[in-house]
Structures are given as structure tokens and as C-alpha cells.
Amino acid sequence: MSDEIFEEFKKNAREYVAKPVVIKAVRLRKQIKISTEDGVMTGKRGDWLIQGTQGEFYPCTPVVFFKKYSKILNEAEQAEWEKNEKEAKRFLLHSRPSIS
């Protein structure tokens, strides 16, 4: 990106928030290959398989999934969701390189 475009961005960029979107997802029990508009993607065991708003399917890593989505829960599902979310956060903390 040129310096001119970057300066224009810094000067005029405004903040936006993503619209709430409801998706369907399931945790993968084994590795799968999925044909998408962007080519063949691999979903690994433990990843999430998402059906998007246009009916498309794609895999998502647990770390990204828990950053981006919250489950619409009933009372019985709350504990399991919190457990999975904590696992993803713990993985994220342990996978960051240390800064010296």
C-alpha cells in the first residue's frame, strides 16, 4: 500500500461493527476436505464446520470460532460452551510467541 493511500486511510477511516448474523455450525470429529468458492479447504478434527448465510460451508479453527461467534444457548448447553471457550482461550495464550 502506498504511503498516500495509508495516510488517506488514517485520516478518513471510520469504525464499523459487523451486523449480527446467525450461522449453523458443528464441531468436526475427523479431518474433512470441503470444496468452497476459494478452492478446497481442509477442516481438521476439532475445527468447526460452518454453514454461512448463503448456504455455503467452510471450516473454522476453534480460536477464530470462539472469537467471532457466541452460541444461542439453552440452560443445559451453557456449561459445555464455557468449557470449549476456555480451551480455545488457553490454546491461544500458550500459542503466542513470547516477547523479549
Protein backbone atom coordinates (compact mmCIF):
# COMPACT_ATOMS: atom_id res chain seq x y z
CA MET A 1 0.00 0.00 0.00
CA SER A 2 1.38 3.40 -0.89
CA ASP A 3 2.09 5.99 1.78
CA GLU A 4 -0.51 8.26 0.19
CA ILE A 5 -3.27 5.66 0.48
CA PHE A 6 -2.23 4.81 4.04
CA GLU A 7 -2.36 8.48 5.07
CA GLU A 8 -5.79 8.83 3.43
CA PHE A 9 -6.95 5.79 5.36
CA LYS A 10 -5.65 7.12 8.69
CA LYS A 11 -7.30 10.48 8.05
CA ASN A 12 -10.72 9.30 6.87
CA ALA A 13 -11.30 5.76 8.17
CA ARG A 14 -14.33 5.33 10.42
CA GLU A 15 -15.19 2.45 12.74
CA TYR A 16 -17.80 -0.11 11.77
CA VAL A 17 -19.26 -3.09 13.57
CA ALA A 18 -20.29 -6.31 11.84
CA LYS A 19 -24.01 -6.96 11.58
CA PRO A 20 -25.29 -9.83 13.71
CA VAL A 21 -25.51 -12.94 11.58
CA VAL A 22 -26.87 -16.31 12.66
CA ILE A 23 -24.95 -19.30 11.29
CA LYS A 24 -25.15 -23.04 11.90
CA ALA A 25 -22.04 -24.97 12.94
CA VAL A 26 -20.90 -28.36 14.17
CA ARG A 27 -17.58 -29.48 15.68
CA LEU A 28 -15.66 -31.83 13.38
CA ARG A 29 -14.83 -35.30 14.71
CA LYS A 30 -12.40 -36.08 11.88
CA GLN A 31 -10.48 -34.31 9.13
CA ILE A 32 -12.52 -33.46 6.02
CA LYS A 33 -11.98 -31.71 2.70
CA ILE A 34 -14.57 -29.12 1.62
CA SER A 35 -14.97 -27.58 -1.83
CA THR A 36 -15.55 -23.83 -1.46
CA GLU A 37 -15.61 -20.80 -3.75
CA ASP A 38 -11.98 -20.27 -2.71
CA GLY A 39 -10.94 -23.84 -3.57
CA VAL A 40 -10.63 -26.98 -1.48
CA MET A 41 -10.22 -26.32 2.25
CA THR A 42 -9.30 -28.82 4.96
CA GLY A 43 -11.18 -28.96 8.23
CA LYS A 44 -9.22 -30.72 10.96
CA ARG A 45 -10.57 -32.71 13.90
CA GLY A 46 -11.74 -30.16 16.48
CA ASP A 47 -12.38 -27.41 13.91
CA TRP A 48 -15.90 -26.16 13.30
CA LEU A 49 -17.83 -26.72 10.07
CA ILE A 50 -19.92 -23.62 9.40
CA GLN A 51 -22.86 -23.12 7.08
CA GLY A 52 -22.88 -19.46 6.12
CA THR A 53 -25.77 -17.16 5.31
CA GLN A 54 -25.72 -18.11 1.60
CA GLY A 55 -25.77 -21.86 2.36
CA GLU A 56 -22.01 -22.21 1.79
CA PHE A 57 -19.87 -24.47 4.01
CA TYR A 58 -16.37 -23.77 5.30
CA PRO A 59 -14.13 -24.89 8.19
CA CYS A 60 -13.09 -22.60 11.03
CA THR A 61 -10.41 -23.12 13.69
CA PRO A 62 -11.60 -23.14 17.33
CA VAL A 63 -9.65 -19.99 18.20
CA VAL A 64 -11.25 -17.96 15.41
CA PHE A 65 -14.66 -19.54 16.02
CA PHE A 66 -14.76 -18.56 19.70
CA LYS A 67 -13.50 -15.03 18.96
CA LYS A 68 -16.21 -14.47 16.36
CA TYR A 69 -19.29 -16.44 17.46
CA SER A 70 -21.43 -16.91 20.53
CA LYS A 71 -23.84 -19.78 20.73
CA ILE A 72 -27.55 -19.29 21.18
CA LEU A 73 -27.80 -21.38 24.35
CA ASN A 74 -30.36 -23.15 26.37
CA GLU A 75 -29.54 -23.71 30.03
CA ALA A 76 -28.23 -27.27 29.58
CA GLU A 77 -25.70 -26.19 26.92
CA GLN A 78 -24.11 -23.31 28.88
CA ALA A 79 -21.51 -25.36 30.82
CA GLU A 80 -20.21 -27.23 27.74
CA TRP A 81 -19.93 -23.98 25.77
CA GLU A 82 -17.95 -22.29 28.54
CA LYS A 83 -15.61 -25.30 28.76
CA ASN A 84 -14.89 -25.19 25.00
CA GLU A 85 -14.40 -21.43 25.09
CA LYS A 86 -11.87 -21.75 27.95
CA GLU A 87 -9.96 -24.43 25.99
CA ALA A 88 -9.71 -22.14 22.96
CA LYS A 89 -8.53 -19.20 25.10
CA ARG A 90 -5.95 -21.40 26.87
CA PHE A 91 -4.67 -22.60 23.47
CA LEU A 92 -4.43 -19.01 22.24
CA LEU A 93 -2.44 -17.91 25.31
CA HIS A 94 0.00 -20.83 25.01
CA SER A 95 0.48 -20.44 21.25
CA ARG A 96 1.57 -16.78 21.30
CA PRO A 97 5.31 -16.21 20.98
CA SER A 98 6.93 -14.62 24.00
CA ILE A 99 8.19 -11.06 23.62
CA SER A 100 11.68 -10.45 24.93
